[in-house]
Amino acid sequence: MAGADEKTSRRGFLGDGVRVAGAIALGGAAGFVGGRRGRNDEYVWQIEPDECVACDRCATCCVLDISAVKAVQCYLMCAMCDLCTGYFELSPISRDTGAENQLCPTGAIQRELVTEEAGVPRFEYHIQEPDCIGCGKCVKGCAMMNGSLYLQVRHDRCLNCNQCSIAIACPTQAFRRVPAGDPYLLKSKAREIVESAERRVERRE
């Protein structure tokens, strides 16, 4: 029972992270605070996730050697699938963590078994940002299911160029200038889920 309570609390905390940092993983949220401290930029670059098509230009067009764009996970949207289409190739050789089965070219997604429900295993998928190159392959795969993975510019590393080279190359013009104090964008579906979760929390309080 204690384990279940701990898991519920953890997922609730992750939900708060979604609200506060635009679905950015917990470690990244701290990186955001550290990365922005002392900078006076009023606006920064960000991707409108509802318009992004995960074309791979974020990986190849950033002026940094490793793109400032990273995949992020909205845990409240994730179905915690065993056969995750954002993690596995469409026809994996085996349903395990072997590199030959993974969709991500750099192995940047950690698969963690968190519980079993009626004998069905449930997994969380965590982005390991140092290994993520922003190619969007996981995002495109996840779109076939719940779409909980999407791309965002991470501001602990973005140089905030006057003219972003990725924005120029973006085929759907999904890049936006957003306030530096509120730099992350949620997918519309994620926003609805987060707002609903917040209303439930308020009712309990």
C-alpha atoms as a PDB file:
ATOM      1  CA  MET A   1       0.000   0.000   0.000  1.00  0.00           C
ATOM      2  CA  ALA A   2       2.854   2.360   0.868  1.00  0.00           C
ATOM      3  CA  GLY A   3       4.435   1.678  -2.532  1.00  0.00           C
ATOM      4  CA  ALA A   4       1.184   2.532  -4.304  1.00  0.00           C
ATOM      5  CA  ASP A   5       0.854   5.765  -2.310  1.00  0.00           C
ATOM      6  CA  GLU A   6       4.438   6.675  -3.151  1.00  0.00           C
ATOM      7  CA  LYS A   7       3.814   6.081  -6.847  1.00  0.00           C
ATOM      8  CA  THR A   8       0.608   8.133  -6.762  1.00  0.00           C
ATOM      9  CA  SER A   9       2.432  10.974  -5.020  1.00  0.00           C
ATOM     10  CA  ARG A  10       5.236  10.789  -7.548  1.00  0.00           C
ATOM     11  CA  ARG A  11       2.874  10.972 -10.496  1.00  0.00           C
ATOM     12  CA  GLY A  12       1.069  13.861  -8.822  1.00  0.00           C
ATOM     13  CA  PHE A  13       4.369  15.667  -8.391  1.00  0.00           C
ATOM     14  CA  LEU A  14       5.203  15.033 -12.040  1.00  0.00           C
ATOM     15  CA  GLY A  15       1.838  16.526 -12.881  1.00  0.00           C
ATOM     16  CA  ASP A  16       2.838  19.685 -11.006  1.00  0.00           C
ATOM     17  CA  GLY A  17       6.052  19.680 -13.038  1.00  0.00           C
ATOM     18  CA  VAL A  18       3.970  19.598 -16.205  1.00  0.00           C
ATOM     19  CA  ARG A  19       1.988  22.616 -15.086  1.00  0.00           C
ATOM     20  CA  VAL A  20       4.973  24.646 -13.953  1.00  0.00           C
ATOM     21  CA  ALA A  21       7.581  23.785 -16.570  1.00  0.00           C
ATOM     22  CA  GLY A  22       5.560  22.839 -19.624  1.00  0.00           C
ATOM     23  CA  ALA A  23       5.934  19.058 -19.289  1.00  0.00           C
ATOM     24  CA  ILE A  24       9.686  19.271 -18.830  1.00  0.00           C
ATOM     25  CA  ALA A  25      11.299  16.482 -16.810  1.00  0.00           C
ATOM     26  CA  LEU A  26      12.091  17.340 -13.194  1.00  0.00           C
ATOM     27  CA  GLY A  27      15.857  17.697 -13.619  1.00  0.00           C
ATOM     28  CA  GLY A  28      15.325  19.898 -16.631  1.00  0.00           C
ATOM     29  CA  ALA A  29      13.058  22.236 -14.727  1.00  0.00           C
ATOM     30  CA  ALA A  30      15.941  22.953 -12.355  1.00  0.00           C
ATOM     31  CA  GLY A  31      18.160  23.455 -15.378  1.00  0.00           C
ATOM     32  CA  PHE A  32      15.720  25.996 -16.720  1.00  0.00           C
ATOM     33  CA  VAL A  33      15.912  28.075 -13.553  1.00  0.00           C
ATOM     34  CA  GLY A  34      19.706  27.973 -13.530  1.00  0.00           C
ATOM     35  CA  GLY A  35      19.974  28.640 -17.242  1.00  0.00           C
ATOM     36  CA  ARG A  36      17.796  31.752 -17.200  1.00  0.00           C
ATOM     37  CA  ARG A  37      19.177  33.378 -14.062  1.00  0.00           C
ATOM     38  CA  GLY A  38      20.914  36.654 -14.780  1.00  0.00           C
ATOM     39  CA  ARG A  39      19.619  36.998 -18.360  1.00  0.00           C
ATOM     40  CA  ASN A  40      17.426  39.917 -19.363  1.00  0.00           C
ATOM     41  CA  ASP A  41      15.890  38.594 -22.574  1.00  0.00           C
ATOM     42  CA  GLU A  42      12.210  39.426 -22.713  1.00  0.00           C
ATOM     43  CA  TYR A  43      11.378  36.778 -25.311  1.00  0.00           C
ATOM     44  CA  VAL A  44      12.820  33.402 -26.225  1.00  0.00           C
ATOM     45  CA  TRP A  45      12.273  30.855 -28.977  1.00  0.00           C
ATOM     46  CA  GLN A  46       9.838  27.993 -28.460  1.00  0.00           C
ATOM     47  CA  ILE A  47       8.049  25.332 -30.514  1.00  0.00           C
ATOM     48  CA  GLU A  48       4.267  25.327 -30.759  1.00  0.00           C
ATOM     49  CA  PRO A  49       3.791  21.557 -30.252  1.00  0.00           C
ATOM     50  CA  ASP A  50       0.419  21.388 -32.004  1.00  0.00           C
ATOM     51  CA  GLU A  51       2.078  22.591 -35.216  1.00  0.00           C
ATOM     52  CA  CYS A  52       5.307  20.570 -34.997  1.00  0.00           C
ATOM     53  CA  VAL A  53       5.595  17.594 -37.390  1.00  0.00           C
ATOM     54  CA  ALA A  54       8.837  16.172 -35.924  1.00  0.00           C
ATOM     55  CA  CYS A  55      10.613  16.610 -39.256  1.00  0.00           C
ATOM     56  CA  ASP A  56      14.186  16.262 -37.807  1.00  0.00           C
ATOM     57  CA  ARG A  57      15.290  19.815 -38.727  1.00  0.00           C
ATOM     58  CA  CYS A  58      15.652  20.635 -35.023  1.00  0.00           C
ATOM     59  CA  ALA A  59      18.453  18.066 -34.864  1.00  0.00           C
ATOM     60  CA  THR A  60      20.270  19.224 -37.984  1.00  0.00           C
ATOM     61  CA  CYS A  61      19.784  23.009 -38.140  1.00  0.00           C
ATOM     62  CA  CYS A  62      20.613  24.251 -34.630  1.00  0.00           C
ATOM     63  CA  VAL A  63      23.834  26.292 -34.419  1.00  0.00           C
ATOM     64  CA  LEU A  64      24.895  24.192 -31.430  1.00  0.00           C
ATOM     65  CA  ASP A  65      26.716  20.917 -32.057  1.00  0.00           C
ATOM     66  CA  ILE A  66      23.974  19.138 -30.098  1.00  0.00           C
ATOM     67  CA  SER A  67      20.592  20.795 -30.577  1.00  0.00           C
ATOM     68  CA  ALA A  68      18.973  22.841 -27.827  1.00  0.00           C
ATOM     69  CA  VAL A  69      15.697  21.168 -28.784  1.00  0.00           C
ATOM     70  CA  LYS A  70      14.851  18.109 -26.695  1.00  0.00           C
ATOM     71  CA  ALA A  71      12.002  15.645 -26.508  1.00  0.00           C
ATOM     72  CA  VAL A  72       9.886  16.094 -23.376  1.00  0.00           C
ATOM     73  CA  GLN A  73       7.323  13.838 -21.742  1.00  0.00           C
ATOM     74  CA  CYS A  74       3.884  14.830 -20.485  1.00  0.00           C
ATOM     75  CA  TYR A  75       3.398  12.078 -17.922  1.00  0.00           C
ATOM     76  CA  LEU A  76      -0.296  12.808 -17.451  1.00  0.00           C
ATOM     77  CA  MET A  77      -0.898  11.998 -21.125  1.00  0.00           C
ATOM     78  CA  CYS A  78       1.273   8.892 -21.296  1.00  0.00           C
ATOM     79  CA  ALA A  79      -0.618   5.565 -21.465  1.00  0.00           C
ATOM     80  CA  MET A  80       2.406   3.784 -19.921  1.00  0.00           C
ATOM     81  CA  CYS A  81       2.255   1.173 -22.696  1.00  0.00           C
ATOM     82  CA  ASP A  82       4.311  -2.002 -22.749  1.00  0.00           C
ATOM     83  CA  LEU A  83       4.660  -1.719 -26.531  1.00  0.00           C
ATOM     84  CA  CYS A  84       5.339   2.030 -26.740  1.00  0.00           C
ATOM     85  CA  THR A  85       5.462   3.323 -30.317  1.00  0.00           C
ATOM     86  CA  GLY A  86       7.662   6.202 -29.168  1.00  0.00           C
ATOM     87  CA  TYR A  87      10.218   3.802 -27.725  1.00  0.00           C
ATOM     88  CA  PHE A  88      10.159   0.699 -29.907  1.00  0.00           C
ATOM     89  CA  GLU A  89      10.611   0.189 -33.610  1.00  0.00           C
ATOM     90  CA  LEU A  90       7.311  -0.717 -35.268  1.00  0.00           C
ATOM     91  CA  SER A  91       8.306  -4.399 -35.418  1.00  0.00           C
ATOM     92  CA  PRO A  92      10.845  -4.909 -32.615  1.00  0.00           C
ATOM     93  CA  ILE A  93      12.874  -8.096 -32.609  1.00  0.00           C
ATOM     94  CA  SER A  94      12.111  -8.402 -28.900  1.00  0.00           C
ATOM     95  CA  ARG A  95      10.115  -6.283 -26.464  1.00  0.00           C
ATOM     96  CA  ASP A  96      13.094  -5.365 -24.291  1.00  0.00           C
ATOM     97  CA  THR A  97      15.616  -2.556 -23.930  1.00  0.00           C
ATOM     98  CA  GLY A  98      18.110  -3.911 -26.473  1.00  0.00           C
ATOM     99  CA  ALA A  99      19.469  -1.163 -28.726  1.00  0.00           C
ATOM    100  CA  GLU A 100      18.297  -3.063 -31.796  1.00  0.00           C
ATOM    101  CA  ASN A 101      14.677  -2.673 -30.626  1.00  0.00           C
ATOM    102  CA  GLN A 102      14.770   1.028 -29.791  1.00  0.00           C
ATOM    103  CA  LEU A 103      13.483   3.773 -32.067  1.00  0.00           C
ATOM    104  CA  CYS A 104      15.789   6.421 -30.571  1.00  0.00           C
ATOM    105  CA  PRO A 105      19.137   6.506 -32.426  1.00  0.00           C
ATOM    106  CA  THR A 106      21.050   7.536 -29.289  1.00  0.00           C
ATOM    107  CA  GLY A 107      19.227   5.467 -26.651  1.00  0.00           C
ATOM    108  CA  ALA A 108      18.029   8.646 -24.932  1.00  0.00           C
ATOM    109  CA  ILE A 109      14.811   7.170 -23.516  1.00  0.00           C
ATOM    110  CA  GLN A 110      14.835   5.242 -20.244  1.00  0.00           C
ATOM    111  CA  ARG A 111      12.084   2.620 -19.888  1.00  0.00           C
ATOM    112  CA  GLU A 112      11.051   1.981 -16.274  1.00  0.00           C
ATOM    113  CA  LEU A 113       8.579  -0.633 -15.068  1.00  0.00           C
ATOM    114  CA  VAL A 114       6.510   1.071 -12.386  1.00  0.00           C
ATOM    115  CA  THR A 115       3.538  -1.213 -11.728  1.00  0.00           C
ATOM    116  CA  GLU A 116       1.322  -3.992 -12.995  1.00  0.00           C
ATOM    117  CA  GLU A 117      -2.430  -3.671 -13.392  1.00  0.00           C
ATOM    118  CA  ALA A 118      -4.411  -6.909 -13.794  1.00  0.00           C
ATOM    119  CA  GLY A 119      -1.193  -8.600 -14.863  1.00  0.00           C
ATOM    120  CA  VAL A 120      -0.442  -5.920 -17.474  1.00  0.00           C
ATOM    121  CA  PRO A 121       2.934  -4.188 -16.983  1.00  0.00           C
ATOM    122  CA  ARG A 122       2.938  -0.385 -16.969  1.00  0.00           C
ATOM    123  CA  PHE A 123       6.040   1.603 -17.875  1.00  0.00           C
ATOM    124  CA  GLU A 124       7.197   5.192 -17.595  1.00  0.00           C
ATOM    125  CA  TYR A 125       9.437   6.600 -20.311  1.00  0.00           C
ATOM    126  CA  HIS A 126      11.988   9.224 -19.286  1.00  0.00           C
ATOM    127  CA  ILE A 127      14.056  11.399 -21.629  1.00  0.00           C
ATOM    128  CA  GLN A 128      17.778  11.447 -20.826  1.00  0.00           C
ATOM    129  CA  GLU A 129      18.462  14.939 -22.126  1.00  0.00           C
ATOM    130  CA  PRO A 130      22.262  14.728 -22.475  1.00  0.00           C
ATOM    131  CA  ASP A 131      21.723  11.971 -25.045  1.00  0.00           C
ATOM    132  CA  CYS A 132      18.730  13.496 -26.868  1.00  0.00           C
ATOM    133  CA  ILE A 133      19.565  15.165 -30.202  1.00  0.00           C
ATOM    134  CA  GLY A 134      16.069  16.502 -30.929  1.00  0.00           C
ATOM    135  CA  CYS A 135      15.494  14.301 -33.980  1.00  0.00           C
ATOM    136  CA  GLY A 136      11.814  13.825 -33.124  1.00  0.00           C
ATOM    137  CA  LYS A 137      11.657  10.124 -33.988  1.00  0.00           C
ATOM    138  CA  CYS A 138      10.089   9.297 -30.631  1.00  0.00           C
ATOM    139  CA  VAL A 139       7.611  12.160 -31.076  1.00  0.00           C
ATOM    140  CA  LYS A 140       6.512  10.899 -34.465  1.00  0.00           C
ATOM    141  CA  GLY A 141       6.163   7.371 -33.093  1.00  0.00           C
ATOM    142  CA  CYS A 142       4.265   8.486 -30.001  1.00  0.00           C
ATOM    143  CA  ALA A 143       1.815  10.418 -32.195  1.00  0.00           C
ATOM    144  CA  MET A 144       0.366   7.059 -33.247  1.00  0.00           C
ATOM    145  CA  MET A 145      -0.777   6.588 -29.635  1.00  0.00           C
ATOM    146  CA  ASN A 146      -1.408   9.283 -26.988  1.00  0.00           C
ATOM    147  CA  GLY A 147       1.130  11.825 -28.237  1.00  0.00           C
ATOM    148  CA  SER A 148       2.635  12.470 -24.807  1.00  0.00           C
ATOM    149  CA  LEU A 149       6.124  13.047 -26.235  1.00  0.00           C
ATOM    150  CA  TYR A 150       6.860  16.314 -28.017  1.00  0.00           C
ATOM    151  CA  LEU A 151       9.693  18.739 -28.712  1.00  0.00           C
ATOM    152  CA  GLN A 152      10.629  21.900 -26.826  1.00  0.00           C
ATOM    153  CA  VAL A 153      13.562  24.337 -26.908  1.00  0.00           C
ATOM    154  CA  ARG A 154      15.477  23.985 -23.652  1.00  0.00           C
ATOM    155  CA  HIS A 155      16.583  27.337 -22.262  1.00  0.00           C
ATOM    156  CA  ASP A 156      19.430  26.111 -20.109  1.00  0.00           C
ATOM    157  CA  ARG A 157      21.362  25.707 -23.388  1.00  0.00           C
ATOM    158  CA  CYS A 158      19.604  27.718 -26.118  1.00  0.00           C
ATOM    159  CA  LEU A 159      21.630  30.767 -27.207  1.00  0.00           C
ATOM    160  CA  ASN A 160      18.420  32.667 -28.045  1.00  0.00           C
ATOM    161  CA  CYS A 161      19.775  33.867 -31.379  1.00  0.00           C
ATOM    162  CA  ASN A 162      18.124  36.925 -32.887  1.00  0.00           C
ATOM    163  CA  GLN A 163      17.233  34.751 -35.859  1.00  0.00           C
ATOM    164  CA  CYS A 164      16.925  31.079 -34.991  1.00  0.00           C
ATOM    165  CA  SER A 165      18.318  28.851 -37.742  1.00  0.00           C
ATOM    166  CA  ILE A 166      15.817  26.106 -36.897  1.00  0.00           C
ATOM    167  CA  ALA A 167      12.913  28.560 -37.099  1.00  0.00           C
ATOM    168  CA  ILE A 168      14.049  29.519 -40.601  1.00  0.00           C
ATOM    169  CA  ALA A 169      14.151  25.872 -41.669  1.00  0.00           C
ATOM    170  CA  CYS A 170      10.929  24.785 -39.924  1.00  0.00           C
ATOM    171  CA  PRO A 171       8.492  23.541 -42.625  1.00  0.00           C
ATOM    172  CA  THR A 172       5.375  24.387 -40.600  1.00  0.00           C
ATOM    173  CA  GLN A 173       6.654  27.632 -39.016  1.00  0.00           C
ATOM    174  CA  ALA A 174       6.045  26.119 -35.595  1.00  0.00           C
ATOM    175  CA  PHE A 175       8.584  28.361 -33.825  1.00  0.00           C
ATOM    176  CA  ARG A 176       7.293  31.218 -31.694  1.00  0.00           C
ATOM    177  CA  ARG A 177       8.739  34.020 -29.594  1.00  0.00           C
ATOM    178  CA  VAL A 178       7.347  33.597 -26.073  1.00  0.00           C
ATOM    179  CA  PRO A 179       7.903  35.457 -22.784  1.00  0.00           C
ATOM    180  CA  ALA A 180      11.141  34.420 -21.088  1.00  0.00           C
ATOM    181  CA  GLY A 181       9.303  34.130 -17.787  1.00  0.00           C
ATOM    182  CA  ASP A 182       6.924  31.527 -19.214  1.00  0.00           C
ATOM    183  CA  PRO A 183       9.050  29.814 -21.868  1.00  0.00           C
ATOM    184  CA  TYR A 184       7.453  26.377 -22.336  1.00  0.00           C
ATOM    185  CA  LEU A 185       4.327  25.456 -24.286  1.00  0.00           C
ATOM    186  CA  LEU A 186       1.934  22.587 -23.674  1.00  0.00           C
ATOM    187  CA  LYS A 187       0.105  20.675 -26.370  1.00  0.00           C
ATOM    188  CA  SER A 188      -3.564  21.639 -26.374  1.00  0.00           C
ATOM    189  CA  LYS A 189      -4.551  18.126 -25.284  1.00  0.00           C
ATOM    190  CA  ALA A 190      -1.984  18.211 -22.484  1.00  0.00           C
ATOM    191  CA  ARG A 191      -3.273  21.605 -21.358  1.00  0.00           C
ATOM    192  CA  GLU A 192      -6.801  20.213 -21.050  1.00  0.00           C
ATOM    193  CA  ILE A 193      -5.570  17.209 -19.044  1.00  0.00           C
ATOM    194  CA  VAL A 194      -3.416  19.349 -16.742  1.00  0.00           C
ATOM    195  CA  GLU A 195      -6.223  21.842 -16.110  1.00  0.00           C
ATOM    196  CA  SER A 196      -8.588  18.975 -15.325  1.00  0.00           C
ATOM    197  CA  ALA A 197      -6.047  17.473 -12.916  1.00  0.00           C
ATOM    198  CA  GLU A 198      -5.603  20.826 -11.205  1.00  0.00           C
ATOM    199  CA  ARG A 199      -9.362  21.173 -10.754  1.00  0.00           C
ATOM    200  CA  ARG A 200      -9.471  17.741  -9.113  1.00  0.00           C
ATOM    201  CA  VAL A 201      -6.658  18.755  -6.753  1.00  0.00           C
ATOM    202  CA  GLU A 202      -8.492  21.974  -5.860  1.00  0.00           C
ATOM    203  CA  ARG A 203     -11.686  20.049  -5.084  1.00  0.00           C
ATOM    204  CA  ARG A 204      -9.767  17.703  -2.776  1.00  0.00           C
ATOM    205  CA  GLU A 205      -8.251  20.659  -0.963  1.00  0.00           C
END
